[in-house]
């Protein structure tokens, strides 16, 4: 479908490709990906059509200004040169713009044009007011006063900053707190945020008709809460223009919901490598953009940012982009969705989840989808492994053998006290896994083996063949679940752990998140609040962020199972 706007972009092979869009375009890329240089390239290709607002700009706002000819004021702002007495101005527009507006350094020059913007706005105001006065004098009917660009700036500025008011009088602008009688202050005394909002609105209003407005780092000096509302209002003022945003800010990018997103992969000094960002079903756009912008392979884990588990994983897996997603279900769904996406073929996407009470069949199925299961019941048990307990004892100058005996006695005592609960929970989990197999093609196929006579009888009662197959498949599945056998198998596992005092198997099968916190007492740590992980965990996390990082990583690799091959 043809879009309202067209934008020509350079390709990585040195050619050009035209994009068609009905919305604004947002380019996101890391530092060094060529965002600013791309803006310069677009500007140089269409200098009279493009108005580029650079990230490097002065926000020195003059208190007063002098209006001039509106055409001269506009050229001075857009080009940096008014073109007076220049017969070849149009032919030389590009060179004038490069030398006057950008000082022959378009990628790095400090844009210092607030005075030109004010001159343009007041010149437009003066001309419109003069035309209005002449028209009013010549007419016997009442003529509505025009809405000037300063009126538009004031309206949007006050909508974004409702607690402030712009006072436009004569050739100066003042500001005050809304509804207050005094406390007016000059425009030069505005905050950076107040001035940049005024500046951005005015610059976009001054852009050429049906032009392209390029904004480099549009989030600078703006609080996150007003970024999206401001640009939405500005875009409404210029529906004739294509807005092109250049940013590295993921929050800003995701807030521009209607914009077409383009990922700038790299820039080699001559050519850009870029691709459009496609949505991935079931995943937030913020997550997709974060992953695309990474040069690392990705590991999704359970947990939350700011919590010990995410911090610990990031220390152990420093060569990956580690993204905590909350629950294991979210990790599983995200890995599957992203592995199926064509736009992420350059990255490896993995998931690491707790073992919990998963049976071996489920673990093998997850592995086929790139989801790895820890060799311990949950991440907290990593802190109870013999290798980590030994290191903690060494760093605290304690006796490792004595400490391990205390820990071992405590955790086995805890397991014995709740063995029935652990057996029951493991039994429930295996039953759930088997029930989740309902709908498997092999199970449905079994229903097709039913006799033709039986199917005919049931169809005579108004049941369809498909309904009969589903019912049969469910009946067969339920019949195959022997709760007694499953329970006894689970019981054998835990009884054997206790009988043989198999500590590592205990960590593999015993689910109890508070266990590591209880063990803290064996090292004479004092635990804090009930919702905190415990000082043993906090101590190990600190070690993992220090020079002991590689030591801890090597000691724990075996507990990551088959994923350990990716940890080198």
Protein backbone atom coordinates (compact mmCIF):
# COMPACT_ATOMS: atom_id res chain seq x y z
CA UNK A 1 0.00 0.00 0.00
CA UNK A 2 1.36 3.38 -1.00
CA UNK A 3 2.13 5.71 1.89
CA UNK A 4 1.55 9.41 2.18
CA UNK A 5 5.28 10.11 2.63
CA UNK A 6 8.35 8.93 0.75
CA UNK A 7 11.88 8.81 2.10
CA UNK A 8 14.95 7.71 0.21
CA UNK A 9 17.61 5.94 2.27
CA UNK A 10 21.13 4.72 1.50
CA UNK A 11 21.72 0.97 1.50
CA UNK A 12 24.72 -1.00 2.73
CA UNK A 13 25.74 -1.74 -0.87
CA UNK A 14 25.98 1.95 -1.76
CA UNK A 15 22.61 2.20 -3.49
CA UNK A 16 19.35 3.82 -2.46
CA UNK A 17 15.99 2.45 -1.34
CA UNK A 18 12.72 4.35 -1.10
CA UNK A 19 10.49 3.86 1.93
CA UNK A 20 6.77 4.59 1.78
CA UNK A 21 4.95 5.39 5.02
CA UNK A 22 1.80 6.98 6.43
CA UNK A 23 3.40 7.73 9.79
CA UNK A 24 6.53 9.21 11.25
CA UNK A 25 9.74 7.17 11.13
CA UNK A 26 12.00 6.45 14.07
CA UNK A 27 15.60 5.27 13.68
CA UNK A 28 17.10 3.65 16.74
CA UNK A 29 20.69 2.56 17.11
CA UNK A 30 23.55 2.42 19.57
CA UNK A 31 26.29 5.04 19.74
CA UNK A 32 28.41 4.76 16.61
CA UNK A 33 25.63 3.34 14.46
CA UNK A 34 25.57 6.46 12.27
CA UNK A 35 22.32 8.15 13.34
CA UNK A 36 23.56 11.72 13.04
CA UNK A 37 25.45 11.00 9.82
CA UNK A 38 22.27 9.51 8.35
CA UNK A 39 20.42 12.73 9.21
CA UNK A 40 23.17 14.72 7.47
CA UNK A 41 22.89 12.45 4.40
CA UNK A 42 19.12 12.93 4.12
CA UNK A 43 19.56 16.70 4.59
CA UNK A 44 22.23 16.90 1.86
CA UNK A 45 20.06 14.93 -0.59
CA UNK A 46 17.09 17.32 -0.25
CA UNK A 47 18.41 20.56 1.34
CA UNK A 48 15.39 22.74 0.47
CA UNK A 49 12.90 20.11 1.66
CA UNK A 50 14.58 18.99 4.88
CA UNK A 51 14.72 20.85 8.18
CA UNK A 52 17.13 19.14 10.55
CA UNK A 53 17.29 19.88 14.27
CA UNK A 54 20.57 18.59 15.64
CA UNK A 55 21.20 17.17 19.10
CA UNK A 56 24.03 19.70 19.58
CA UNK A 57 22.18 22.99 19.96
CA UNK A 58 22.32 26.14 22.03
CA UNK A 59 19.26 26.88 24.16
CA UNK A 60 20.24 30.50 24.78
CA UNK A 61 16.89 32.23 24.32
CA UNK A 62 16.97 36.03 23.76
CA UNK A 63 14.72 38.28 25.83
CA UNK A 64 13.79 40.52 22.88
CA UNK A 65 13.99 40.38 19.10
CA UNK A 66 13.67 42.56 16.01
CA UNK A 67 11.24 41.53 13.24
CA UNK A 68 12.40 41.63 9.64
CA UNK A 69 10.96 40.62 6.27
CA UNK A 70 9.20 37.27 6.77
CA UNK A 71 10.96 35.70 3.77
CA UNK A 72 14.35 36.82 5.00
CA UNK A 73 13.61 35.61 8.52
CA UNK A 74 12.55 32.19 7.26
CA UNK A 75 15.59 31.79 5.03
CA UNK A 76 17.90 32.91 7.82
CA UNK A 77 16.42 30.22 10.08
CA UNK A 78 16.22 27.34 7.60
CA UNK A 79 19.38 28.06 5.62
CA UNK A 80 21.42 30.33 7.88
CA UNK A 81 21.61 32.90 5.07
CA UNK A 82 18.87 35.35 4.04
CA UNK A 83 19.87 35.42 0.37
CA UNK A 84 19.63 39.18 -0.07
CA UNK A 85 20.88 40.34 -3.51
CA UNK A 86 21.93 36.79 -4.42
CA UNK A 87 20.73 36.08 -7.97
CA UNK A 88 21.87 32.46 -7.77
CA UNK A 89 20.51 31.80 -4.29
CA UNK A 90 18.32 28.86 -5.28
CA UNK A 91 21.14 27.10 -7.14
CA UNK A 92 23.51 27.68 -4.21
CA UNK A 93 21.02 26.82 -1.45
CA UNK A 94 22.82 23.59 -0.48
CA UNK A 95 26.24 25.23 -0.16
CA UNK A 96 24.78 28.22 1.71
CA UNK A 97 23.02 25.90 4.15
CA UNK A 98 26.14 23.83 4.70
CA UNK A 99 28.43 26.82 5.25
CA UNK A 100 26.08 29.19 7.11
CA UNK A 101 23.76 26.93 9.11
CA UNK A 102 26.28 24.15 9.74
CA UNK A 103 29.65 25.97 9.51
CA UNK A 104 30.80 23.28 7.01
CA UNK A 105 30.63 20.69 9.82
CA UNK A 106 27.05 19.41 9.55
CA UNK A 107 27.59 16.35 11.78
CA UNK A 108 29.24 18.11 14.72
CA UNK A 109 28.45 21.85 14.50
CA UNK A 110 26.68 23.44 17.47
CA UNK A 111 23.37 24.75 16.15
CA UNK A 112 23.01 28.28 17.54
CA UNK A 113 19.83 29.68 16.01
CA UNK A 114 17.41 30.51 18.84
CA UNK A 115 17.67 34.22 17.93
CA UNK A 116 16.79 33.39 14.30
CA UNK A 117 13.81 31.33 15.46
CA UNK A 118 12.53 34.21 17.60
CA UNK A 119 13.06 36.63 14.72
CA UNK A 120 11.07 34.37 12.40
CA UNK A 121 8.18 33.90 14.85
CA UNK A 122 7.87 37.61 15.64
CA UNK A 123 8.27 38.57 11.96
CA UNK A 124 5.42 36.19 11.08
CA UNK A 125 3.37 37.63 13.96
CA UNK A 126 4.02 41.20 12.85
CA UNK A 127 3.14 40.51 9.20
CA UNK A 128 -0.07 38.65 10.08
CA UNK A 129 -1.15 41.41 12.47
CA UNK A 130 -0.47 44.08 9.83
CA UNK A 131 -2.52 42.20 7.23
CA UNK A 132 -5.32 41.72 9.74
CA UNK A 133 -5.38 45.40 10.66
CA UNK A 134 -5.54 46.45 7.00
CA UNK A 135 -8.28 43.92 6.26
CA UNK A 136 -10.28 45.03 9.31
CA UNK A 137 -10.05 48.68 8.26
CA UNK A 138 -11.25 47.89 4.75
CA UNK A 139 -14.20 45.75 5.87
CA UNK A 140 -17.47 46.69 7.52
CA UNK A 141 -17.87 43.15 8.80
CA UNK A 142 -16.01 41.77 11.77
CA UNK A 143 -12.96 39.77 10.73
CA UNK A 144 -11.59 37.05 12.94
CA UNK A 145 -7.98 37.67 13.95
CA UNK A 146 -5.48 35.18 12.48
CA UNK A 147 -3.87 32.38 14.45
CA UNK A 148 -0.17 33.07 14.24
CA UNK A 149 2.67 30.65 14.78
CA UNK A 150 3.36 32.28 18.14
CA UNK A 151 -0.26 31.56 19.07
CA UNK A 152 0.30 27.91 18.16
CA UNK A 153 3.54 27.76 20.15
CA UNK A 154 1.81 29.26 23.18
CA UNK A 155 -1.15 26.85 22.96
CA UNK A 156 0.98 23.70 22.76
CA UNK A 157 3.59 24.95 25.26
CA UNK A 158 0.91 25.64 27.87
CA UNK A 159 -0.82 22.32 27.18
CA UNK A 160 2.41 20.45 27.87
CA UNK A 161 3.24 22.68 30.88
CA UNK A 162 -0.21 23.47 32.33
CA UNK A 163 1.25 25.02 35.48
CA UNK A 164 3.04 27.72 33.43
CA UNK A 165 1.82 30.54 31.19
CA UNK A 166 3.55 32.29 28.28
CA UNK A 167 2.99 36.04 28.08
CA UNK A 168 3.62 37.42 24.58
CA UNK A 169 3.73 41.21 24.46
CA UNK A 170 5.34 43.49 21.92
CA UNK A 171 8.64 41.92 20.93
CA UNK A 172 9.34 39.93 24.06
CA UNK A 173 8.16 36.80 25.86
CA UNK A 174 7.83 36.33 29.58
CA UNK A 175 6.73 33.39 31.70
CA UNK A 176 4.83 33.06 34.96
CA UNK A 177 3.20 30.50 37.16
CA UNK A 178 -0.39 30.09 36.02
CA UNK A 179 -2.98 32.02 38.06
CA UNK A 180 -0.30 33.99 39.93
CA UNK A 181 -0.29 37.78 39.71
CA UNK A 182 3.44 38.36 39.92
CA UNK A 183 6.63 36.35 39.58
CA UNK A 184 7.06 36.92 35.85
CA UNK A 185 10.47 36.04 34.50
CA UNK A 186 12.20 36.68 31.17
CA UNK A 187 12.48 34.03 28.47
CA UNK A 188 16.23 33.79 29.04
CA UNK A 189 15.50 32.67 32.61
CA UNK A 190 13.35 29.71 31.60
CA UNK A 191 14.50 26.23 32.58
CA UNK A 192 16.16 24.04 29.94
CA UNK A 193 12.94 22.05 29.63
CA UNK A 194 10.77 25.14 29.16
CA UNK A 195 13.12 26.57 26.53
CA UNK A 196 13.59 23.34 24.56
CA UNK A 197 9.81 22.80 24.38
CA UNK A 198 9.40 26.31 22.96
CA UNK A 199 12.32 25.76 20.59
CA UNK A 200 11.11 22.42 19.22
CA UNK A 201 7.54 23.63 18.62
CA UNK A 202 8.77 26.76 16.85
CA UNK A 203 11.34 24.94 14.71
CA UNK A 204 8.79 22.40 13.48
CA UNK A 205 6.29 25.16 12.67
CA UNK A 206 8.98 26.86 10.55
CA UNK A 207 9.81 23.75 8.48
CA UNK A 208 9.14 23.86 4.69
CA UNK A 209 5.67 22.86 3.52
CA UNK A 210 5.36 19.14 2.74
CA UNK A 211 8.89 18.78 4.05
CA UNK A 212 10.90 16.36 6.14
CA UNK A 213 11.64 17.27 9.76
CA UNK A 214 14.63 15.41 11.22
CA UNK A 215 15.10 15.51 14.99
CA UNK A 216 18.33 14.12 16.41
CA UNK A 217 17.89 12.89 20.00
CA UNK A 218 14.36 14.30 20.42
CA UNK A 219 14.30 13.29 24.09
CA UNK A 220 17.10 15.63 25.25
CA UNK A 221 16.16 17.95 28.17
CA UNK A 222 12.63 16.51 28.26
CA UNK A 223 11.15 14.57 31.16
CA UNK A 224 9.97 11.14 30.03
CA UNK A 225 6.38 11.93 31.02
CA UNK A 226 6.09 14.74 28.48
CA UNK A 227 8.12 13.36 25.54
CA UNK A 228 5.34 11.43 23.83
CA UNK A 229 2.58 14.05 24.45
CA UNK A 230 4.79 16.86 23.15
CA UNK A 231 5.71 15.16 19.90
CA UNK A 232 2.12 14.03 19.38
CA UNK A 233 0.99 17.67 19.61
CA UNK A 234 3.79 18.90 17.34
CA UNK A 235 2.96 16.28 14.70
CA UNK A 236 -0.66 17.50 14.75
CA UNK A 237 0.59 21.00 13.89
CA UNK A 238 2.42 19.72 10.79
CA UNK A 239 0.40 16.90 9.21
CA UNK A 240 1.99 17.82 5.87
CA UNK A 241 5.49 16.88 7.05
CA UNK A 242 7.28 13.59 7.57
CA UNK A 243 8.85 13.44 11.03
CA UNK A 244 12.10 11.47 11.27
CA UNK A 245 13.38 10.77 14.79
CA UNK A 246 16.98 9.65 15.46
CA UNK A 247 17.45 8.17 18.94
CA UNK A 248 19.19 5.57 21.07
CA UNK A 249 16.57 5.83 23.84
CA UNK A 250 14.48 2.64 24.02
CA UNK A 251 11.82 4.26 26.22
CA UNK A 252 11.36 7.11 23.74
CA UNK A 253 11.22 4.67 20.82
CA UNK A 254 8.53 2.49 22.35
CA UNK A 255 6.49 5.55 23.40
CA UNK A 256 6.15 6.54 19.71
CA UNK A 257 3.53 3.86 19.16
CA UNK A 258 2.40 4.89 15.68
CA UNK A 259 5.88 5.51 14.24
CA UNK A 260 7.51 3.07 11.86
CA UNK A 261 10.64 1.75 13.56
CA UNK A 262 13.98 1.17 11.83
CA UNK A 263 17.00 -0.36 13.48
CA UNK A 264 20.36 1.11 12.49
CA UNK A 265 22.67 -1.88 12.82
CA UNK A 266 25.96 -0.28 11.86
CA UNK A 267 27.80 2.38 9.86
CA UNK A 268 31.21 1.79 8.27
CA UNK A 269 31.94 5.42 7.42
CA UNK A 270 30.32 5.20 4.00
CA UNK A 271 27.31 2.89 4.14
CA UNK A 272 24.57 2.09 6.63
CA UNK A 273 23.17 -1.32 7.48
CA UNK A 274 19.54 -0.99 8.58
CA UNK A 275 16.30 -2.92 8.70
CA UNK A 276 12.68 -2.25 9.57
CA UNK A 277 11.59 -3.55 12.95
CA UNK A 278 8.67 -5.93 12.68
CA UNK A 279 6.39 -6.69 15.60
CA UNK A 280 6.66 -10.11 17.21
CA UNK A 281 3.31 -11.54 18.29
CA UNK A 282 2.92 -11.78 22.03
CA UNK A 283 5.99 -9.67 22.88
CA UNK A 284 6.22 -5.99 23.87
CA UNK A 285 7.90 -3.81 21.27
CA UNK A 286 10.29 -2.49 23.92
CA UNK A 287 11.72 -5.98 24.35
CA UNK A 288 12.19 -6.51 20.61
CA UNK A 289 13.96 -3.15 20.24
CA UNK A 290 16.21 -3.85 23.22
CA UNK A 291 17.28 -7.18 21.73
CA UNK A 292 17.80 -5.81 18.22
CA UNK A 293 20.01 -3.07 19.58
CA UNK A 294 22.25 -5.53 21.37
CA UNK A 295 25.43 -6.91 19.88
CA UNK A 296 25.32 -9.82 22.33
CA UNK A 297 23.44 -13.08 22.23
CA UNK A 298 20.42 -13.05 24.52
CA UNK A 299 19.51 -15.07 27.61
CA UNK A 300 16.07 -14.74 29.19
CA UNK A 301 15.87 -15.68 32.85
CA UNK A 302 13.30 -15.74 35.59
CA UNK A 303 13.30 -12.81 38.01
CA UNK A 304 13.09 -9.02 37.93
CA UNK A 305 15.49 -6.15 37.37
CA UNK A 306 16.94 -4.97 40.65
CA UNK A 307 16.50 -8.37 42.33
CA UNK A 308 19.35 -10.66 43.34
CA UNK A 309 18.65 -13.32 40.69
CA UNK A 310 18.91 -10.95 37.72
CA UNK A 311 22.06 -9.35 39.18
CA UNK A 312 23.64 -12.76 39.79
CA UNK A 313 22.85 -14.05 36.30
CA UNK A 314 24.34 -10.90 34.74
CA UNK A 315 27.57 -11.44 36.66
CA UNK A 316 27.84 -15.08 35.60
CA UNK A 317 26.76 -14.48 32.00
CA UNK A 318 28.53 -11.21 31.28
CA UNK A 319 29.06 -12.12 27.62
CA UNK A 320 25.27 -12.23 27.10
CA UNK A 321 22.46 -9.70 27.19
CA UNK A 322 20.58 -11.04 30.23
CA UNK A 323 16.90 -10.07 30.37
CA UNK A 324 14.75 -11.06 33.37
CA UNK A 325 11.12 -11.70 32.43
CA UNK A 326 9.44 -12.63 35.68
CA UNK A 327 8.00 -16.13 35.44
CA UNK A 328 9.23 -19.26 33.68
CA UNK A 329 6.12 -19.13 31.47
CA UNK A 330 7.17 -15.72 30.14
CA UNK A 331 10.70 -16.97 29.51
CA UNK A 332 9.43 -20.01 27.57
CA UNK A 333 6.96 -18.02 25.47
CA UNK A 334 9.46 -15.26 24.67
CA UNK A 335 12.24 -17.62 23.59
CA UNK A 336 9.87 -19.52 21.30
CA UNK A 337 8.47 -16.33 19.76
CA UNK A 338 11.85 -14.71 19.14
CA UNK A 339 13.45 -17.85 17.73
CA UNK A 340 10.61 -17.97 15.20
CA UNK A 341 11.25 -14.35 14.12
CA UNK A 342 13.21 -13.87 10.90
CA UNK A 343 14.59 -10.49 11.94
CA UNK A 344 16.66 -12.01 14.79
CA UNK A 345 18.56 -14.62 12.80
CA UNK A 346 21.86 -12.86 13.61
CA UNK A 347 21.45 -13.57 17.34
CA UNK A 348 21.23 -16.69 19.46
CA UNK A 349 18.27 -16.59 21.85
CA UNK A 350 18.29 -18.80 24.95
CA UNK A 351 16.25 -19.24 28.10
CA UNK A 352 17.33 -20.44 31.54
CA UNK A 353 14.70 -21.47 34.06
CA UNK A 354 14.52 -23.17 37.43
CA UNK A 355 14.21 -26.93 37.43
CA UNK A 356 11.31 -26.75 39.88
CA UNK A 357 9.50 -30.11 39.74
CA UNK A 358 9.83 -30.77 36.04
CA UNK A 359 10.06 -34.35 34.81
CA UNK A 360 12.75 -35.46 32.33
CA UNK A 361 10.38 -35.58 29.34
CA UNK A 362 9.44 -31.95 29.85
CA UNK A 363 13.08 -30.92 30.27
CA UNK A 364 14.01 -32.58 26.96
CA UNK A 365 11.14 -30.85 25.16
CA UNK A 366 12.21 -27.47 26.52
CA UNK A 367 15.79 -28.07 25.41
CA UNK A 368 14.58 -28.51 21.81
CA UNK A 369 13.26 -24.93 21.99
CA UNK A 370 16.51 -23.47 23.35
CA UNK A 371 15.31 -23.37 26.96
CA UNK A 372 17.78 -24.76 29.49
CA UNK A 373 16.83 -26.04 32.93
CA UNK A 374 19.14 -25.60 35.92
CA UNK A 375 20.51 -28.68 37.65
CA UNK A 376 19.06 -27.35 40.92
CA UNK A 377 15.42 -26.97 41.89
CA UNK A 378 15.56 -23.17 41.87
CA UNK A 379 18.12 -20.41 41.50
CA UNK A 380 18.36 -19.94 45.28
CA UNK A 381 19.85 -23.44 45.53
CA UNK A 382 22.88 -22.33 43.51
CA UNK A 383 23.99 -20.49 46.65
CA UNK A 384 23.87 -23.77 48.60
CA UNK A 385 26.09 -25.81 46.29
CA UNK A 386 29.19 -27.30 47.97
CA UNK A 387 31.43 -25.29 45.65
CA UNK A 388 29.88 -21.95 46.68
CA UNK A 389 29.68 -22.84 50.37
CA UNK A 390 33.39 -23.70 50.27
CA UNK A 391 34.24 -20.33 48.71
CA UNK A 392 32.13 -18.45 51.25
CA UNK A 393 33.90 -20.21 54.11
CA UNK A 394 37.29 -19.37 52.62
CA UNK A 395 36.44 -15.70 52.15
CA UNK A 396 35.17 -15.51 55.74
CA UNK A 397 38.28 -17.33 57.03
CA UNK A 398 36.15 -20.12 58.47
CA UNK A 399 36.45 -23.91 58.41
CA UNK A 400 34.78 -25.17 55.18
CA UNK A 401 34.23 -28.72 56.47
CA UNK A 402 32.53 -27.57 59.65
CA UNK A 403 30.37 -25.09 57.75
CA UNK A 404 29.28 -27.66 55.19
CA UNK A 405 28.30 -30.14 57.92
CA UNK A 406 26.14 -27.49 59.60
CA UNK A 407 24.47 -26.63 56.31
CA UNK A 408 23.95 -30.26 55.33
CA UNK A 409 22.39 -31.16 58.70
CA UNK A 410 20.06 -28.17 58.48
CA UNK A 411 18.78 -28.77 54.94
CA UNK A 412 18.26 -32.52 55.44
CA UNK A 413 16.34 -31.78 58.63
CA UNK A 414 14.19 -29.32 56.70
CA UNK A 415 13.51 -31.85 53.93
CA UNK A 416 12.50 -34.55 56.42
CA UNK A 417 10.06 -32.16 58.08
CA UNK A 418 8.14 -31.57 54.84
CA UNK A 419 8.81 -34.68 52.77
CA UNK A 420 5.11 -35.48 52.28
CA UNK A 421 4.49 -31.99 50.93
CA UNK A 422 7.43 -32.26 48.53
CA UNK A 423 6.26 -35.68 47.26
CA UNK A 424 2.71 -34.40 46.71
CA UNK A 425 3.81 -31.26 44.89
CA UNK A 426 6.09 -33.23 42.57
CA UNK A 427 3.24 -35.67 41.87
CA UNK A 428 0.87 -32.80 41.02
CA UNK A 429 3.44 -31.27 38.68
CA UNK A 430 3.90 -34.49 36.70
CA UNK A 431 0.11 -34.94 36.38
CA UNK A 432 -0.14 -31.37 35.04
CA UNK A 433 2.58 -32.09 32.50
CA UNK A 434 0.78 -35.21 31.26
CA UNK A 435 -2.53 -33.38 30.99
CA UNK A 436 -0.81 -30.68 28.95
CA UNK A 437 -0.14 -33.36 26.34
CA UNK A 438 -3.84 -33.29 25.46
CA UNK A 439 -4.13 -32.29 21.84
CA UNK A 440 -0.93 -34.08 20.84
CA UNK A 441 -1.39 -35.51 17.34
CA UNK A 442 -0.37 -39.01 18.42
CA UNK A 443 -3.09 -39.03 21.07
CA UNK A 444 -5.72 -37.87 18.60
CA UNK A 445 -4.57 -40.49 16.13
CA UNK A 446 -5.34 -43.17 18.70
CA UNK A 447 -8.96 -42.07 18.61
CA UNK A 448 -9.10 -42.86 14.88
CA UNK A 449 -8.55 -46.53 15.71
CA UNK A 450 -12.05 -46.65 17.15
CA UNK A 451 -14.40 -49.07 15.37
CA UNK A 452 -16.58 -47.69 12.57
CA UNK A 453 -19.65 -49.19 14.22
CA UNK A 454 -19.02 -47.31 17.50
CA UNK A 455 -18.46 -44.04 15.65
CA UNK A 456 -21.69 -44.53 13.70
CA UNK A 457 -23.62 -45.15 16.93
CA UNK A 458 -22.28 -41.98 18.54
CA UNK A 459 -22.83 -39.93 15.39
CA UNK A 460 -26.44 -41.09 15.47
CA UNK A 461 -26.69 -39.41 18.89
CA UNK A 462 -25.67 -36.13 17.27
CA UNK A 463 -21.94 -36.21 17.95
CA UNK A 464 -19.50 -35.31 15.16
CA UNK A 465 -16.49 -37.44 14.30
CA UNK A 466 -14.10 -34.74 15.56
CA UNK A 467 -15.94 -34.51 18.88
CA UNK A 468 -15.72 -38.29 19.27
CA UNK A 469 -11.96 -38.22 18.56
CA UNK A 470 -11.37 -35.52 21.15
CA UNK A 471 -13.37 -37.32 23.80
CA UNK A 472 -11.57 -40.57 23.08
CA UNK A 473 -8.17 -38.88 23.23
CA UNK A 474 -9.00 -37.34 26.60
CA UNK A 475 -10.32 -40.64 27.98
CA UNK A 476 -7.17 -42.46 26.90
CA UNK A 477 -4.94 -39.76 28.40
CA UNK A 478 -6.71 -39.80 31.76
CA UNK A 479 -6.70 -43.61 31.89
CA UNK A 480 -2.95 -43.55 31.35
CA UNK A 481 -2.35 -41.40 34.42
CA UNK A 482 -1.80 -43.67 37.41
CA UNK A 483 -1.61 -41.36 40.39
CA UNK A 484 -0.40 -44.11 42.70
CA UNK A 485 2.53 -44.95 40.41
CA UNK A 486 3.50 -41.29 40.02
CA UNK A 487 3.27 -40.67 43.75
CA UNK A 488 5.36 -43.72 44.59
CA UNK A 489 8.01 -42.74 42.02
CA UNK A 490 8.27 -39.32 43.64
CA UNK A 491 8.39 -40.89 47.08
CA UNK A 492 11.28 -43.14 46.05
CA UNK A 493 13.27 -40.11 44.84
CA UNK A 494 13.03 -38.24 48.13
CA UNK A 495 13.43 -41.28 50.38
CA UNK A 496 16.58 -42.26 48.51
CA UNK A 497 18.01 -38.73 48.89
CA UNK A 498 17.53 -38.94 52.66
CA UNK A 499 18.74 -42.54 52.93
CA UNK A 500 21.97 -41.92 50.99
CA UNK A 501 22.41 -38.34 52.26
CA UNK A 502 22.84 -37.27 48.62
CA UNK A 503 23.30 -33.53 49.05
CA UNK A 504 23.49 -32.63 45.35
CA UNK A 505 20.28 -34.52 44.58
CA UNK A 506 18.64 -32.68 47.45
CA UNK A 507 19.48 -29.38 45.75
CA UNK A 508 18.12 -30.80 42.50
CA UNK A 509 14.72 -31.86 43.84
CA UNK A 510 14.05 -29.83 47.01
CA UNK A 511 12.01 -26.70 46.28
CA UNK A 512 12.14 -24.28 49.21
CA UNK A 513 12.98 -20.65 48.40
CA UNK A 514 13.72 -19.76 52.02
CA UNK A 515 16.35 -22.47 52.40
CA UNK A 516 19.29 -20.20 51.53
CA UNK A 517 18.08 -17.64 54.04
CA UNK A 518 17.92 -20.30 56.76
CA UNK A 519 21.44 -21.44 55.89
CA UNK A 520 22.74 -17.87 56.42
CA UNK A 521 22.62 -18.56 60.15
CA UNK A 522 25.25 -21.31 59.75
CA UNK A 523 27.73 -18.58 58.79
CA UNK A 524 26.57 -16.30 61.61
CA UNK A 525 24.97 -13.89 59.16
CA UNK A 526 22.10 -11.82 60.49
CA UNK A 527 19.09 -11.89 58.19
CA UNK A 528 16.93 -8.87 57.55
CA UNK A 529 13.30 -8.55 56.57
CA UNK A 530 11.20 -11.57 55.61
CA UNK A 531 10.98 -10.50 51.95
CA UNK A 532 14.77 -10.19 51.56
CA UNK A 533 16.86 -13.05 50.10
CA UNK A 534 19.16 -13.38 53.10
CA UNK A 535 22.72 -12.31 53.78
CA UNK A 536 24.31 -15.47 52.40
CA UNK A 537 22.84 -14.70 48.97
CA UNK A 538 23.76 -11.02 49.26
CA UNK A 539 27.36 -11.94 50.17
CA UNK A 540 27.75 -14.29 47.20
CA UNK A 541 26.21 -11.74 44.80
CA UNK A 542 28.80 -9.19 46.00
CA UNK A 543 31.58 -11.71 45.40
CA UNK A 544 30.22 -12.35 41.89
CA UNK A 545 30.53 -8.64 41.11
CA UNK A 546 34.14 -8.55 42.34
CA UNK A 547 37.39 -10.22 41.30
CA UNK A 548 35.80 -13.55 42.30
CA UNK A 549 33.45 -13.38 39.30
CA UNK A 550 35.32 -15.94 37.17
CA UNK A 551 35.91 -18.21 40.16
CA UNK A 552 32.19 -18.35 40.96
CA UNK A 553 31.32 -18.82 37.30
CA UNK A 554 33.67 -21.80 36.98
CA UNK A 555 32.42 -23.35 40.21
CA UNK A 556 28.79 -23.17 39.06
CA UNK A 557 29.08 -24.08 35.37
CA UNK A 558 28.15 -27.73 35.95
CA UNK A 559 24.83 -26.63 37.50
CA UNK A 560 23.81 -24.98 34.23
CA UNK A 561 23.70 -28.37 32.50
CA UNK A 562 24.05 -28.28 28.73
CA UNK A 563 24.04 -24.48 28.75
CA UNK A 564 27.53 -24.58 30.29
CA UNK A 565 28.97 -25.06 26.78
CA UNK A 566 27.88 -21.48 25.97
CA UNK A 567 29.45 -19.96 29.09
CA UNK A 568 33.11 -20.01 27.95
